[in-house]
N, C-alpha and C. Protein backbone atom coordinates (compact mmCIF):
# COMPACT_ATOMS: atom_id res chain seq x y z
N UNK A 1 151.18 83.66 25.94
CA UNK A 1 152.62 83.80 25.70
C UNK A 1 152.90 84.62 24.44
N UNK A 2 152.15 84.34 23.37
CA UNK A 2 152.34 85.09 22.14
C UNK A 2 152.01 86.56 22.33
N UNK A 3 150.99 86.82 23.17
CA UNK A 3 150.63 88.22 23.42
C UNK A 3 151.74 88.94 24.15
N UNK A 4 152.35 88.27 25.15
CA UNK A 4 153.45 88.90 25.87
C UNK A 4 154.65 89.12 24.94
N UNK A 5 154.90 88.17 24.05
CA UNK A 5 155.99 88.33 23.11
C UNK A 5 155.74 89.49 22.15
N UNK A 6 154.51 89.62 21.69
CA UNK A 6 154.17 90.74 20.81
C UNK A 6 154.31 92.07 21.54
N UNK A 7 153.80 92.12 22.79
CA UNK A 7 153.91 93.35 23.57
C UNK A 7 155.38 93.70 23.85
N UNK A 8 156.19 92.68 24.13
CA UNK A 8 157.60 92.94 24.37
C UNK A 8 158.31 93.47 23.13
N UNK A 9 157.97 92.89 21.95
CA UNK A 9 158.58 93.36 20.70
C UNK A 9 158.22 94.81 20.44
N UNK A 10 156.94 95.16 20.66
CA UNK A 10 156.51 96.54 20.45
C UNK A 10 157.22 97.48 21.42
N UNK A 11 157.34 97.05 22.68
CA UNK A 11 158.00 97.90 23.68
C UNK A 11 159.46 98.13 23.33
N UNK A 12 160.16 97.07 22.89
CA UNK A 12 161.57 97.23 22.52
C UNK A 12 161.70 98.15 21.31
N UNK A 13 160.81 97.99 20.34
CA UNK A 13 160.85 98.83 19.13
C UNK A 13 160.63 100.30 19.48
N UNK A 14 159.61 100.58 20.30
CA UNK A 14 159.34 101.96 20.67
C UNK A 14 160.46 102.56 21.51
N UNK A 15 161.06 101.74 22.39
CA UNK A 15 162.17 102.24 23.20
C UNK A 15 163.37 102.58 22.33
N UNK A 16 163.68 101.69 21.36
CA UNK A 16 164.81 101.96 20.45
C UNK A 16 164.54 103.19 19.61
N UNK A 17 163.30 103.33 19.11
CA UNK A 17 162.95 104.49 18.31
C UNK A 17 163.03 105.77 19.12
N UNK A 18 162.58 105.71 20.37
CA UNK A 18 162.65 106.89 21.24
C UNK A 18 164.09 107.29 21.52
N UNK A 19 164.94 106.28 21.74
CA UNK A 19 166.35 106.60 21.96
C UNK A 19 166.98 107.22 20.71
N UNK A 20 166.60 106.72 19.54
CA UNK A 20 167.12 107.30 18.31
C UNK A 20 166.70 108.75 18.14
N UNK A 21 165.46 109.06 18.45
CA UNK A 21 164.99 110.45 18.36
C UNK A 21 165.73 111.33 19.35
N UNK A 22 165.90 110.83 20.58
CA UNK A 22 166.61 111.60 21.61
C UNK A 22 168.06 111.84 21.20
N UNK A 23 168.74 110.78 20.70
CA UNK A 23 170.14 110.91 20.32
C UNK A 23 170.30 111.86 19.14
N UNK A 24 169.36 111.82 18.20
CA UNK A 24 169.46 112.71 17.05
C UNK A 24 169.18 114.16 17.43
N UNK A 25 168.18 114.38 18.28
CA UNK A 25 167.79 115.76 18.64
C UNK A 25 168.87 116.44 19.46
N UNK A 26 169.46 115.72 20.41
CA UNK A 26 170.44 116.32 21.32
C UNK A 26 171.88 115.92 20.97
N UNK A 27 172.04 115.13 19.91
CA UNK A 27 173.37 114.69 19.47
C UNK A 27 174.14 114.04 20.63
N UNK A 28 173.50 113.08 21.24
CA UNK A 28 174.08 112.35 22.36
C UNK A 28 174.35 110.92 21.93
N UNK A 29 175.60 110.53 21.91
CA UNK A 29 175.96 109.15 21.62
C UNK A 29 175.56 108.65 20.26
N UNK A 30 175.55 109.52 19.24
CA UNK A 30 175.12 109.08 17.91
C UNK A 30 176.11 108.11 17.27
N UNK A 31 177.34 108.07 17.75
CA UNK A 31 178.31 107.16 17.18
C UNK A 31 178.82 106.12 18.15
N UNK A 32 178.07 105.86 19.21
CA UNK A 32 178.53 104.92 20.22
C UNK A 32 178.43 103.47 19.79
N UNK A 33 177.51 103.18 18.86
CA UNK A 33 177.33 101.79 18.44
C UNK A 33 176.81 101.77 17.01
N UNK A 34 177.24 100.80 16.20
CA UNK A 34 176.76 100.74 14.81
C UNK A 34 175.25 100.59 14.68
N UNK A 35 174.58 100.04 15.70
CA UNK A 35 173.13 99.87 15.63
C UNK A 35 172.42 101.21 15.49
N UNK A 36 173.02 102.27 16.04
CA UNK A 36 172.40 103.58 15.96
C UNK A 36 172.31 104.09 14.53
N UNK A 37 173.06 103.48 13.63
CA UNK A 37 172.99 103.89 12.21
C UNK A 37 171.59 103.72 11.65
N UNK A 38 170.85 102.73 12.14
CA UNK A 38 169.49 102.49 11.64
C UNK A 38 168.44 103.18 12.49
N UNK A 39 168.86 103.88 13.55
CA UNK A 39 167.91 104.55 14.43
C UNK A 39 167.93 106.06 14.28
N UNK A 40 169.10 106.62 13.98
CA UNK A 40 169.21 108.07 13.85
C UNK A 40 168.59 108.50 12.53
N UNK A 41 167.90 109.61 12.55
CA UNK A 41 167.13 110.05 11.38
C UNK A 41 167.98 110.33 10.16
N UNK A 42 169.15 110.89 10.34
CA UNK A 42 169.96 111.35 9.20
C UNK A 42 170.89 110.27 8.69
N UNK A 43 170.43 109.02 8.65
CA UNK A 43 171.32 107.92 8.26
C UNK A 43 171.77 108.03 6.80
N UNK A 44 171.00 108.70 5.93
CA UNK A 44 171.38 108.83 4.53
C UNK A 44 171.61 110.29 4.14
N UNK A 45 171.80 111.17 5.10
CA UNK A 45 171.89 112.59 4.76
C UNK A 45 173.17 112.91 4.00
N UNK A 46 174.19 112.07 4.12
CA UNK A 46 175.45 112.35 3.44
C UNK A 46 175.47 111.93 1.98
N UNK A 47 174.44 111.27 1.51
CA UNK A 47 174.42 110.83 0.12
C UNK A 47 174.08 112.01 -0.78
N UNK A 48 174.82 112.16 -1.84
CA UNK A 48 174.64 113.32 -2.71
C UNK A 48 174.67 112.87 -4.17
N UNK A 49 174.04 113.67 -5.03
CA UNK A 49 174.09 113.41 -6.47
C UNK A 49 175.34 113.97 -7.10
N UNK A 50 176.23 114.51 -6.26
CA UNK A 50 177.46 115.13 -6.77
C UNK A 50 178.67 114.35 -6.27
N UNK A 51 179.62 114.12 -7.16
CA UNK A 51 180.89 113.54 -6.79
C UNK A 51 181.90 114.64 -6.48
N UNK A 52 182.92 114.30 -5.71
CA UNK A 52 183.90 115.32 -5.35
C UNK A 52 185.27 114.69 -5.15
N UNK A 53 186.29 115.50 -5.37
CA UNK A 53 187.67 115.13 -5.11
C UNK A 53 188.36 116.31 -4.45
N UNK A 54 189.48 116.04 -3.81
CA UNK A 54 190.22 117.07 -3.09
C UNK A 54 191.59 117.23 -3.73
N UNK A 55 191.96 118.47 -4.03
CA UNK A 55 193.28 118.78 -4.57
C UNK A 55 194.02 119.66 -3.56
N UNK A 56 195.26 119.30 -3.26
CA UNK A 56 196.09 120.09 -2.36
C UNK A 56 197.23 120.67 -3.20
N UNK A 57 197.24 121.98 -3.33
CA UNK A 57 198.12 122.66 -4.28
C UNK A 57 198.92 123.73 -3.54
N UNK A 58 200.23 123.75 -3.78
CA UNK A 58 201.10 124.76 -3.20
C UNK A 58 201.48 125.81 -4.23
N UNK A 59 201.51 127.06 -3.80
CA UNK A 59 201.90 128.17 -4.67
C UNK A 59 203.30 128.64 -4.30
N UNK A 60 204.23 128.59 -5.26
CA UNK A 60 205.59 129.02 -5.00
C UNK A 60 205.76 130.52 -5.17
N UNK A 61 206.94 131.02 -4.77
CA UNK A 61 207.21 132.45 -4.88
C UNK A 61 207.20 132.92 -6.32
N UNK A 62 207.53 132.05 -7.26
CA UNK A 62 207.56 132.43 -8.67
C UNK A 62 206.17 132.44 -9.30
N UNK A 63 205.15 132.00 -8.56
CA UNK A 63 203.81 131.92 -9.13
C UNK A 63 203.49 130.56 -9.70
N UNK A 64 204.44 129.64 -9.63
CA UNK A 64 204.19 128.27 -10.13
C UNK A 64 203.44 127.48 -9.06
N UNK A 65 202.56 126.59 -9.53
CA UNK A 65 201.75 125.77 -8.62
C UNK A 65 202.28 124.34 -8.60
N UNK A 66 202.26 123.73 -7.41
CA UNK A 66 202.79 122.39 -7.22
C UNK A 66 201.70 121.49 -6.62
N UNK A 67 201.63 120.28 -7.14
CA UNK A 67 200.68 119.30 -6.61
C UNK A 67 201.30 118.61 -5.40
N UNK A 68 200.63 118.73 -4.24
CA UNK A 68 201.17 118.20 -2.99
C UNK A 68 200.53 116.87 -2.60
N UNK A 69 199.45 116.51 -3.22
CA UNK A 69 198.81 115.22 -2.95
C UNK A 69 198.16 114.74 -4.24
N UNK A 70 198.43 113.51 -4.62
CA UNK A 70 199.26 112.52 -3.92
C UNK A 70 200.75 112.86 -3.97
N UNK A 71 201.49 112.38 -2.99
CA UNK A 71 202.91 112.68 -2.88
C UNK A 71 203.70 111.99 -3.99
N UNK A 72 204.89 112.50 -4.31
CA UNK A 72 205.67 111.93 -5.43
C UNK A 72 206.18 110.52 -5.17
N UNK A 73 206.19 110.05 -3.92
CA UNK A 73 206.73 108.71 -3.65
C UNK A 73 205.67 107.62 -3.79
N UNK A 74 204.45 107.99 -4.23
CA UNK A 74 203.46 106.97 -4.49
C UNK A 74 202.10 107.33 -3.92
N UNK A 75 201.08 106.73 -4.50
CA UNK A 75 199.71 106.98 -4.09
C UNK A 75 199.24 105.90 -3.13
N UNK A 76 198.38 106.30 -2.19
CA UNK A 76 197.71 105.35 -1.31
C UNK A 76 196.24 105.36 -1.67
N UNK A 77 195.77 104.25 -2.22
CA UNK A 77 194.38 104.13 -2.63
C UNK A 77 193.76 102.94 -1.91
N UNK A 78 193.19 103.19 -0.72
CA UNK A 78 192.68 102.07 0.08
C UNK A 78 191.53 101.34 -0.56
N UNK A 79 190.67 102.05 -1.30
CA UNK A 79 189.52 101.41 -1.95
C UNK A 79 189.36 102.02 -3.34
N UNK A 80 189.34 101.20 -4.36
CA UNK A 80 189.07 101.69 -5.70
C UNK A 80 190.17 102.59 -6.23
N UNK A 81 189.77 103.63 -6.97
CA UNK A 81 190.71 104.51 -7.65
C UNK A 81 190.89 105.85 -6.95
N UNK A 82 190.20 106.09 -5.83
CA UNK A 82 190.31 107.37 -5.13
C UNK A 82 191.57 107.42 -4.29
N UNK A 83 192.20 108.60 -4.25
CA UNK A 83 193.38 108.81 -3.43
C UNK A 83 192.99 109.05 -1.98
N UNK A 84 193.98 109.03 -1.11
CA UNK A 84 193.72 109.13 0.32
C UNK A 84 193.02 110.43 0.69
N UNK A 85 193.42 111.55 0.08
CA UNK A 85 192.83 112.82 0.45
C UNK A 85 191.36 112.94 0.06
N UNK A 86 190.92 112.09 -0.89
CA UNK A 86 189.52 112.15 -1.32
C UNK A 86 188.57 111.52 -0.31
N UNK A 87 189.11 110.79 0.66
CA UNK A 87 188.28 110.20 1.72
C UNK A 87 188.14 111.15 2.91
N UNK A 88 188.60 112.37 2.75
CA UNK A 88 188.55 113.36 3.84
C UNK A 88 187.76 114.56 3.36
N UNK A 89 186.41 114.46 3.25
CA UNK A 89 185.62 115.56 2.66
C UNK A 89 185.68 116.85 3.47
N UNK A 90 185.93 116.76 4.77
CA UNK A 90 186.02 117.97 5.59
C UNK A 90 187.44 118.53 5.66
N UNK A 91 188.37 117.90 4.95
CA UNK A 91 189.77 118.38 4.88
C UNK A 91 190.41 118.50 6.25
N UNK A 92 190.16 117.53 7.10
CA UNK A 92 190.73 117.56 8.44
C UNK A 92 192.23 117.29 8.39
N UNK A 93 192.68 116.43 7.48
CA UNK A 93 194.08 116.03 7.43
C UNK A 93 194.82 116.64 6.24
N UNK A 94 194.20 117.56 5.53
CA UNK A 94 194.86 118.14 4.35
C UNK A 94 196.13 118.90 4.72
N UNK A 95 196.09 119.64 5.82
CA UNK A 95 197.28 120.40 6.24
C UNK A 95 198.43 119.45 6.55
N UNK A 96 198.14 118.34 7.22
CA UNK A 96 199.19 117.37 7.55
C UNK A 96 199.78 116.75 6.28
N UNK A 97 198.92 116.44 5.32
CA UNK A 97 199.42 115.86 4.06
C UNK A 97 200.31 116.85 3.32
N UNK A 98 199.89 118.13 3.30
CA UNK A 98 200.68 119.15 2.60
C UNK A 98 202.04 119.35 3.26
N UNK A 99 202.05 119.48 4.57
CA UNK A 99 203.32 119.71 5.28
C UNK A 99 204.25 118.51 5.13
N UNK A 100 203.69 117.33 5.19
CA UNK A 100 204.51 116.12 5.05
C UNK A 100 205.17 116.06 3.67
N UNK A 101 204.42 116.46 2.63
CA UNK A 101 204.98 116.46 1.28
C UNK A 101 206.05 117.54 1.14
N UNK A 102 205.81 118.73 1.67
CA UNK A 102 206.77 119.82 1.53
C UNK A 102 208.07 119.54 2.28
N UNK A 103 207.98 118.87 3.42
CA UNK A 103 209.18 118.59 4.20
C UNK A 103 210.09 117.58 3.52
N UNK A 104 209.56 116.77 2.65
CA UNK A 104 210.31 115.66 2.07
C UNK A 104 210.52 115.81 0.56
N UNK A 105 210.41 117.04 0.05
CA UNK A 105 210.59 117.27 -1.38
C UNK A 105 211.45 118.52 -1.61
N UNK A 106 211.99 118.62 -2.81
CA UNK A 106 212.77 119.78 -3.21
C UNK A 106 211.89 120.73 -4.00
N UNK A 107 211.89 122.00 -3.60
CA UNK A 107 211.00 122.97 -4.25
C UNK A 107 211.44 124.37 -3.85
N UNK A 108 210.94 125.35 -4.57
CA UNK A 108 211.16 126.74 -4.20
C UNK A 108 210.34 127.08 -2.95
N UNK A 109 210.59 128.19 -2.30
CA UNK A 109 209.78 128.56 -1.13
C UNK A 109 208.30 128.65 -1.49
N UNK A 110 207.47 128.06 -0.64
CA UNK A 110 206.03 128.02 -0.85
C UNK A 110 205.39 129.14 -0.01
N UNK A 111 204.55 129.95 -0.66
CA UNK A 111 203.92 131.07 0.04
C UNK A 111 202.52 130.72 0.55
N UNK A 112 201.81 129.87 -0.19
CA UNK A 112 200.46 129.49 0.22
C UNK A 112 200.16 128.06 -0.22
N UNK A 113 199.22 127.45 0.49
CA UNK A 113 198.73 126.12 0.13
C UNK A 113 197.22 126.21 0.00
N UNK A 114 196.69 125.72 -1.10
CA UNK A 114 195.24 125.72 -1.34
C UNK A 114 194.70 124.30 -1.24
N UNK A 115 193.61 124.16 -0.54
CA UNK A 115 192.84 122.92 -0.55
C UNK A 115 191.61 123.18 -1.41
N UNK A 116 191.56 122.56 -2.59
CA UNK A 116 190.55 122.85 -3.60
C UNK A 116 189.60 121.67 -3.72
N UNK A 117 188.32 121.96 -3.72
CA UNK A 117 187.28 120.94 -3.91
C UNK A 117 186.85 120.93 -5.37
N UNK A 118 186.83 119.75 -5.97
CA UNK A 118 186.36 119.56 -7.33
C UNK A 118 185.03 118.80 -7.29
N UNK A 119 184.00 119.34 -7.93
CA UNK A 119 182.66 118.73 -7.92
C UNK A 119 182.15 118.51 -9.33
N UNK A 120 181.35 117.47 -9.49
CA UNK A 120 180.71 117.19 -10.77
C UNK A 120 179.50 116.29 -10.50
N UNK A 121 178.48 116.29 -11.37
CA UNK A 121 177.33 115.40 -11.19
C UNK A 121 177.76 113.94 -11.34
N UNK A 122 177.28 113.09 -10.42
CA UNK A 122 177.69 111.69 -10.43
C UNK A 122 177.19 110.93 -11.66
N UNK A 123 176.18 111.47 -12.33
CA UNK A 123 175.68 110.76 -13.50
C UNK A 123 176.74 110.62 -14.58
N UNK A 124 177.73 111.53 -14.58
CA UNK A 124 178.79 111.44 -15.57
C UNK A 124 179.78 110.32 -15.27
N UNK A 125 179.62 109.65 -14.12
CA UNK A 125 180.47 108.50 -13.83
C UNK A 125 180.04 107.25 -14.61
N UNK A 126 178.89 107.32 -15.26
CA UNK A 126 178.43 106.17 -16.05
C UNK A 126 179.40 105.87 -17.19
N UNK A 127 179.67 104.60 -17.48
CA UNK A 127 180.47 104.27 -18.66
C UNK A 127 179.78 104.76 -19.93
N UNK A 128 180.56 104.93 -20.97
CA UNK A 128 180.01 105.50 -22.21
C UNK A 128 178.88 104.67 -22.79
N UNK A 129 178.99 103.34 -22.69
CA UNK A 129 177.93 102.50 -23.26
C UNK A 129 176.62 102.64 -22.49
N UNK A 130 176.70 102.73 -21.15
CA UNK A 130 175.49 102.93 -20.36
C UNK A 130 174.94 104.34 -20.54
N UNK A 131 175.83 105.31 -20.70
CA UNK A 131 175.38 106.68 -20.95
C UNK A 131 174.58 106.75 -22.25
N UNK A 132 175.05 106.08 -23.28
CA UNK A 132 174.35 106.10 -24.57
C UNK A 132 172.97 105.45 -24.48
N UNK A 133 172.82 104.46 -23.60
CA UNK A 133 171.52 103.82 -23.41
C UNK A 133 170.55 104.70 -22.63
N UNK A 134 171.09 105.52 -21.74
CA UNK A 134 170.23 106.32 -20.86
C UNK A 134 169.95 107.71 -21.41
N UNK A 135 170.92 108.34 -22.08
CA UNK A 135 170.78 109.72 -22.54
C UNK A 135 171.01 109.80 -24.05
N UNK A 136 170.32 110.72 -24.68
CA UNK A 136 170.49 110.94 -26.12
C UNK A 136 171.56 111.99 -26.42
N UNK A 137 171.85 112.87 -25.47
CA UNK A 137 172.86 113.90 -25.69
C UNK A 137 174.25 113.36 -25.34
N UNK A 138 175.31 113.95 -25.90
CA UNK A 138 176.67 113.48 -25.61
C UNK A 138 177.07 113.80 -24.17
N UNK A 139 178.03 113.06 -23.66
CA UNK A 139 178.51 113.26 -22.29
C UNK A 139 179.43 114.48 -22.25
N UNK A 140 178.94 115.57 -21.73
CA UNK A 140 179.69 116.83 -21.64
C UNK A 140 179.82 117.18 -20.16
N UNK A 141 180.92 116.79 -19.56
CA UNK A 141 181.11 116.95 -18.12
C UNK A 141 181.47 118.40 -17.79
N UNK A 142 180.72 118.98 -16.87
CA UNK A 142 181.02 120.31 -16.34
C UNK A 142 181.46 120.15 -14.88
N UNK A 143 182.69 120.54 -14.60
CA UNK A 143 183.23 120.42 -13.25
C UNK A 143 183.36 121.81 -12.62
N UNK A 144 183.23 121.84 -11.31
CA UNK A 144 183.28 123.09 -10.56
C UNK A 144 184.36 122.99 -9.49
N UNK A 145 185.10 124.07 -9.33
CA UNK A 145 186.21 124.10 -8.39
C UNK A 145 185.99 125.23 -7.37
N UNK A 146 186.26 124.91 -6.12
CA UNK A 146 186.08 125.91 -5.07
C UNK A 146 187.14 125.69 -3.99
N UNK A 147 187.74 126.78 -3.56
CA UNK A 147 188.74 126.71 -2.50
C UNK A 147 188.04 126.46 -1.17
N UNK A 148 188.46 125.41 -0.47
CA UNK A 148 187.92 125.13 0.86
C UNK A 148 188.76 125.79 1.94
N UNK A 149 190.09 125.72 1.81
CA UNK A 149 190.98 126.29 2.83
C UNK A 149 192.21 126.89 2.16
N UNK A 150 192.73 127.93 2.79
CA UNK A 150 194.02 128.52 2.41
C UNK A 150 194.94 128.39 3.62
N UNK A 151 196.12 127.80 3.42
CA UNK A 151 197.05 127.51 4.51
C UNK A 151 198.39 128.17 4.24
N UNK A 152 199.15 128.34 5.30
CA UNK A 152 200.55 128.73 5.15
C UNK A 152 201.38 127.49 4.81
N UNK A 153 202.65 127.69 4.52
CA UNK A 153 203.50 126.56 4.14
C UNK A 153 203.74 125.59 5.29
N UNK A 154 203.52 126.05 6.53
CA UNK A 154 203.67 125.14 7.67
C UNK A 154 202.33 124.62 8.18
N UNK A 155 201.27 124.79 7.38
CA UNK A 155 199.99 124.17 7.70
C UNK A 155 199.05 124.99 8.56
N UNK A 156 199.34 126.27 8.79
CA UNK A 156 198.46 127.11 9.59
C UNK A 156 197.30 127.63 8.73
N UNK A 157 196.09 127.56 9.29
CA UNK A 157 194.90 127.98 8.55
C UNK A 157 194.84 129.50 8.44
N UNK A 158 194.65 129.99 7.21
CA UNK A 158 194.53 131.42 6.96
C UNK A 158 193.08 131.80 6.63
N UNK A 159 192.46 131.07 5.72
CA UNK A 159 191.08 131.31 5.33
C UNK A 159 190.37 129.98 5.16
N UNK A 160 189.06 129.97 5.38
CA UNK A 160 188.27 128.78 5.16
C UNK A 160 186.92 129.17 4.58
N UNK A 161 186.37 128.32 3.74
CA UNK A 161 185.11 128.59 3.06
C UNK A 161 184.22 127.36 3.14
N UNK A 162 182.92 127.55 2.88
CA UNK A 162 181.98 126.46 2.86
C UNK A 162 182.20 125.58 1.63
N UNK A 163 181.55 124.42 1.61
CA UNK A 163 181.64 123.55 0.46
C UNK A 163 180.88 124.16 -0.72
N UNK A 164 181.12 123.61 -1.90
CA UNK A 164 180.46 124.12 -3.10
C UNK A 164 178.96 123.94 -3.01
N UNK A 165 178.50 122.81 -2.49
CA UNK A 165 177.06 122.57 -2.37
C UNK A 165 176.42 123.52 -1.37
N UNK A 166 177.08 123.77 -0.23
CA UNK A 166 176.54 124.71 0.75
C UNK A 166 176.48 126.12 0.17
N UNK A 167 177.52 126.49 -0.59
CA UNK A 167 177.51 127.81 -1.20
C UNK A 167 176.37 127.95 -2.19
N UNK A 168 176.13 126.93 -3.02
CA UNK A 168 175.05 126.99 -3.99
C UNK A 168 173.69 127.05 -3.30
N UNK A 169 173.55 126.31 -2.19
CA UNK A 169 172.30 126.38 -1.44
C UNK A 169 172.07 127.79 -0.90
N UNK A 170 173.13 128.43 -0.41
CA UNK A 170 173.00 129.79 0.07
C UNK A 170 172.65 130.77 -1.04
N UNK A 171 173.23 130.56 -2.23
CA UNK A 171 172.91 131.43 -3.36
C UNK A 171 171.45 131.29 -3.76
N UNK A 172 170.95 130.04 -3.75
CA UNK A 172 169.53 129.82 -4.10
C UNK A 172 168.60 130.55 -3.15
N UNK A 173 168.94 130.51 -1.87
CA UNK A 173 168.10 131.20 -0.88
C UNK A 173 168.25 132.71 -1.01
N UNK A 174 169.48 133.18 -1.22
CA UNK A 174 169.72 134.62 -1.30
C UNK A 174 169.04 135.24 -2.52
N UNK A 175 168.85 134.47 -3.59
CA UNK A 175 168.22 135.00 -4.79
C UNK A 175 166.70 134.87 -4.79
N UNK A 176 166.14 134.36 -3.70
CA UNK A 176 164.69 134.17 -3.61
C UNK A 176 164.17 134.96 -2.42
N UNK A 177 163.46 136.07 -2.63
CA UNK A 177 162.97 136.88 -1.50
C UNK A 177 162.08 136.09 -0.54
N UNK A 178 161.27 135.19 -1.07
CA UNK A 178 160.38 134.42 -0.19
C UNK A 178 161.18 133.52 0.75
N UNK A 179 162.21 132.86 0.20
CA UNK A 179 163.01 131.98 1.03
C UNK A 179 163.84 132.77 2.04
N UNK A 180 164.30 133.96 1.65
CA UNK A 180 165.02 134.80 2.62
C UNK A 180 164.12 135.16 3.79
N UNK A 181 162.86 135.49 3.49
CA UNK A 181 161.92 135.82 4.56
C UNK A 181 161.63 134.60 5.43
N UNK A 182 161.55 133.42 4.81
CA UNK A 182 161.28 132.20 5.57
C UNK A 182 162.44 131.88 6.51
N UNK A 183 163.68 132.10 6.06
CA UNK A 183 164.82 131.81 6.92
C UNK A 183 164.87 132.74 8.12
N UNK A 184 164.47 133.99 7.93
CA UNK A 184 164.45 134.91 9.07
C UNK A 184 163.32 134.58 10.02
N UNK A 185 162.19 134.16 9.49
CA UNK A 185 161.02 133.88 10.33
C UNK A 185 161.13 132.51 11.01
N UNK A 186 161.78 131.56 10.35
CA UNK A 186 161.80 130.20 10.86
C UNK A 186 163.06 129.83 11.61
N UNK A 187 163.86 130.80 12.04
CA UNK A 187 165.08 130.48 12.78
C UNK A 187 164.72 129.94 14.16
N UNK A 188 165.27 128.79 14.56
CA UNK A 188 164.93 128.22 15.88
C UNK A 188 165.53 129.03 17.01
N UNK A 189 164.87 128.96 18.16
CA UNK A 189 165.39 129.67 19.32
C UNK A 189 166.63 128.97 19.87
N UNK A 190 166.60 127.64 19.87
CA UNK A 190 167.74 126.86 20.31
C UNK A 190 168.43 126.25 19.09
N UNK A 191 169.75 126.27 19.07
CA UNK A 191 170.52 125.72 17.96
C UNK A 191 171.34 124.56 18.47
N UNK A 192 171.17 123.39 17.86
CA UNK A 192 171.95 122.22 18.21
C UNK A 192 172.96 121.96 17.11
N UNK A 193 174.17 121.55 17.50
CA UNK A 193 175.17 121.21 16.49
C UNK A 193 176.48 121.92 16.76
N UNK A 194 177.47 121.56 15.98
CA UNK A 194 178.79 122.14 16.12
C UNK A 194 178.90 123.41 15.30
N UNK A 195 180.01 124.12 15.48
CA UNK A 195 180.22 125.36 14.73
C UNK A 195 180.30 125.08 13.24
N UNK A 196 180.96 123.95 12.86
CA UNK A 196 181.09 123.63 11.45
C UNK A 196 179.73 123.39 10.82
N UNK A 197 178.82 122.72 11.56
CA UNK A 197 177.52 122.43 11.01
C UNK A 197 176.67 123.68 10.89
N UNK A 198 176.95 124.69 11.70
CA UNK A 198 176.19 125.93 11.63
C UNK A 198 176.95 127.00 10.86
N UNK A 199 177.88 126.59 10.01
CA UNK A 199 178.67 127.52 9.21
C UNK A 199 177.77 128.31 8.27
N UNK A 200 178.09 129.57 8.08
CA UNK A 200 177.26 130.44 7.26
C UNK A 200 177.33 130.04 5.79
N UNK A 201 176.22 129.59 5.18
CA UNK A 201 176.27 129.18 3.78
C UNK A 201 176.28 130.34 2.80
N UNK A 202 176.13 131.56 3.29
CA UNK A 202 176.06 132.72 2.41
C UNK A 202 177.43 133.37 2.20
N UNK A 203 178.48 132.79 2.79
CA UNK A 203 179.79 133.41 2.66
C UNK A 203 180.26 133.36 1.21
N UNK A 204 180.74 134.48 0.72
CA UNK A 204 181.20 134.55 -0.67
C UNK A 204 182.66 134.14 -0.74
N UNK A 205 183.22 134.24 -1.93
CA UNK A 205 184.62 133.91 -2.11
C UNK A 205 184.83 132.41 -2.24
N UNK A 206 186.10 132.02 -2.25
CA UNK A 206 186.43 130.62 -2.30
C UNK A 206 186.51 130.03 -3.68
N UNK A 207 186.29 130.82 -4.72
CA UNK A 207 186.36 130.27 -6.06
C UNK A 207 187.82 130.21 -6.50
N UNK A 208 188.21 129.09 -7.06
CA UNK A 208 189.60 128.87 -7.44
C UNK A 208 189.82 129.24 -8.89
N UNK A 209 190.76 130.12 -9.15
CA UNK A 209 191.12 130.49 -10.51
C UNK A 209 192.42 129.79 -10.87
N UNK A 210 192.44 128.92 -11.88
CA UNK A 210 193.67 128.24 -12.26
C UNK A 210 194.70 129.22 -12.79
N UNK A 211 195.96 128.82 -12.89
CA UNK A 211 197.00 129.72 -13.42
C UNK A 211 196.63 130.25 -14.80
N UNK A 212 197.03 131.48 -15.06
CA UNK A 212 196.70 132.12 -16.33
C UNK A 212 197.30 131.38 -17.51
N UNK A 213 198.40 130.67 -17.28
CA UNK A 213 199.04 129.93 -18.37
C UNK A 213 198.26 128.69 -18.74
N UNK A 214 197.37 128.24 -17.84
CA UNK A 214 196.61 127.04 -18.11
C UNK A 214 197.37 125.76 -17.83
N UNK A 215 198.62 125.87 -17.36
CA UNK A 215 199.42 124.68 -17.10
C UNK A 215 198.97 124.02 -15.81
N UNK A 216 198.95 122.69 -15.76
CA UNK A 216 198.55 121.99 -14.54
C UNK A 216 199.61 122.12 -13.47
N UNK A 217 199.27 121.88 -12.20
CA UNK A 217 200.29 121.92 -11.14
C UNK A 217 201.39 120.92 -11.39
N UNK A 218 202.61 121.26 -10.96
CA UNK A 218 203.79 120.42 -11.18
C UNK A 218 203.91 119.41 -10.04
N UNK A 219 204.23 118.14 -10.37
CA UNK A 219 204.50 117.14 -9.36
C UNK A 219 205.89 117.37 -8.81
N UNK A 220 206.01 117.39 -7.46
CA UNK A 220 207.31 117.58 -6.82
C UNK A 220 208.11 116.28 -6.88
N UNK A 221 209.43 116.43 -6.76
CA UNK A 221 210.32 115.27 -6.70
C UNK A 221 210.88 115.13 -5.30
N UNK A 222 211.04 113.90 -4.83
CA UNK A 222 211.50 113.66 -3.48
C UNK A 222 212.94 114.04 -3.28
N UNK A 223 213.33 114.16 -2.00
CA UNK A 223 214.72 114.50 -1.68
C UNK A 223 215.65 113.34 -2.00
């Protein structure tokens, strides 16, 4: 009986592992059940050493910039101190948030809307007392800003760019002749994934230049 139980456990384990490999390779049913979280290979691929936030900024005809998220009628922070737009790393709902804010506020005509990604190393999230215990140098935070999307005032997509991390990965490869040769030689014959996942990491542009005056974006007032 114990032998049959051991054989059955091994068979179930191998079957589950085989299904996880199949689901990951062909992207079939990877989100059908929470159990697949422990079977699919990329269960921790989204973890990064970099923190990020999302800024939605409107540019008026006068050249003044307006902060469109969080909206002037209050912030929605479902968990901790992060705003709602920070839980949308792919900026799927940024256009809706921007249009909703513009429709319900008083402002000059808006010519463009920028969705800006802000990145910084997560180690700087340490409190000052823990930082002093871990590092001898002072906490000097360097943040990086990159435009992810450019929209019209009614939410239509005009331009889109890769994330800051994808862009940096592309720069690292582009500056290394050996890695460039490896990418050309090691390209698979079959490509699995969506268009977003196969986005070109070598695309330039997307760097956000703040206003020349250095003034922060203005918070809009409701109607």
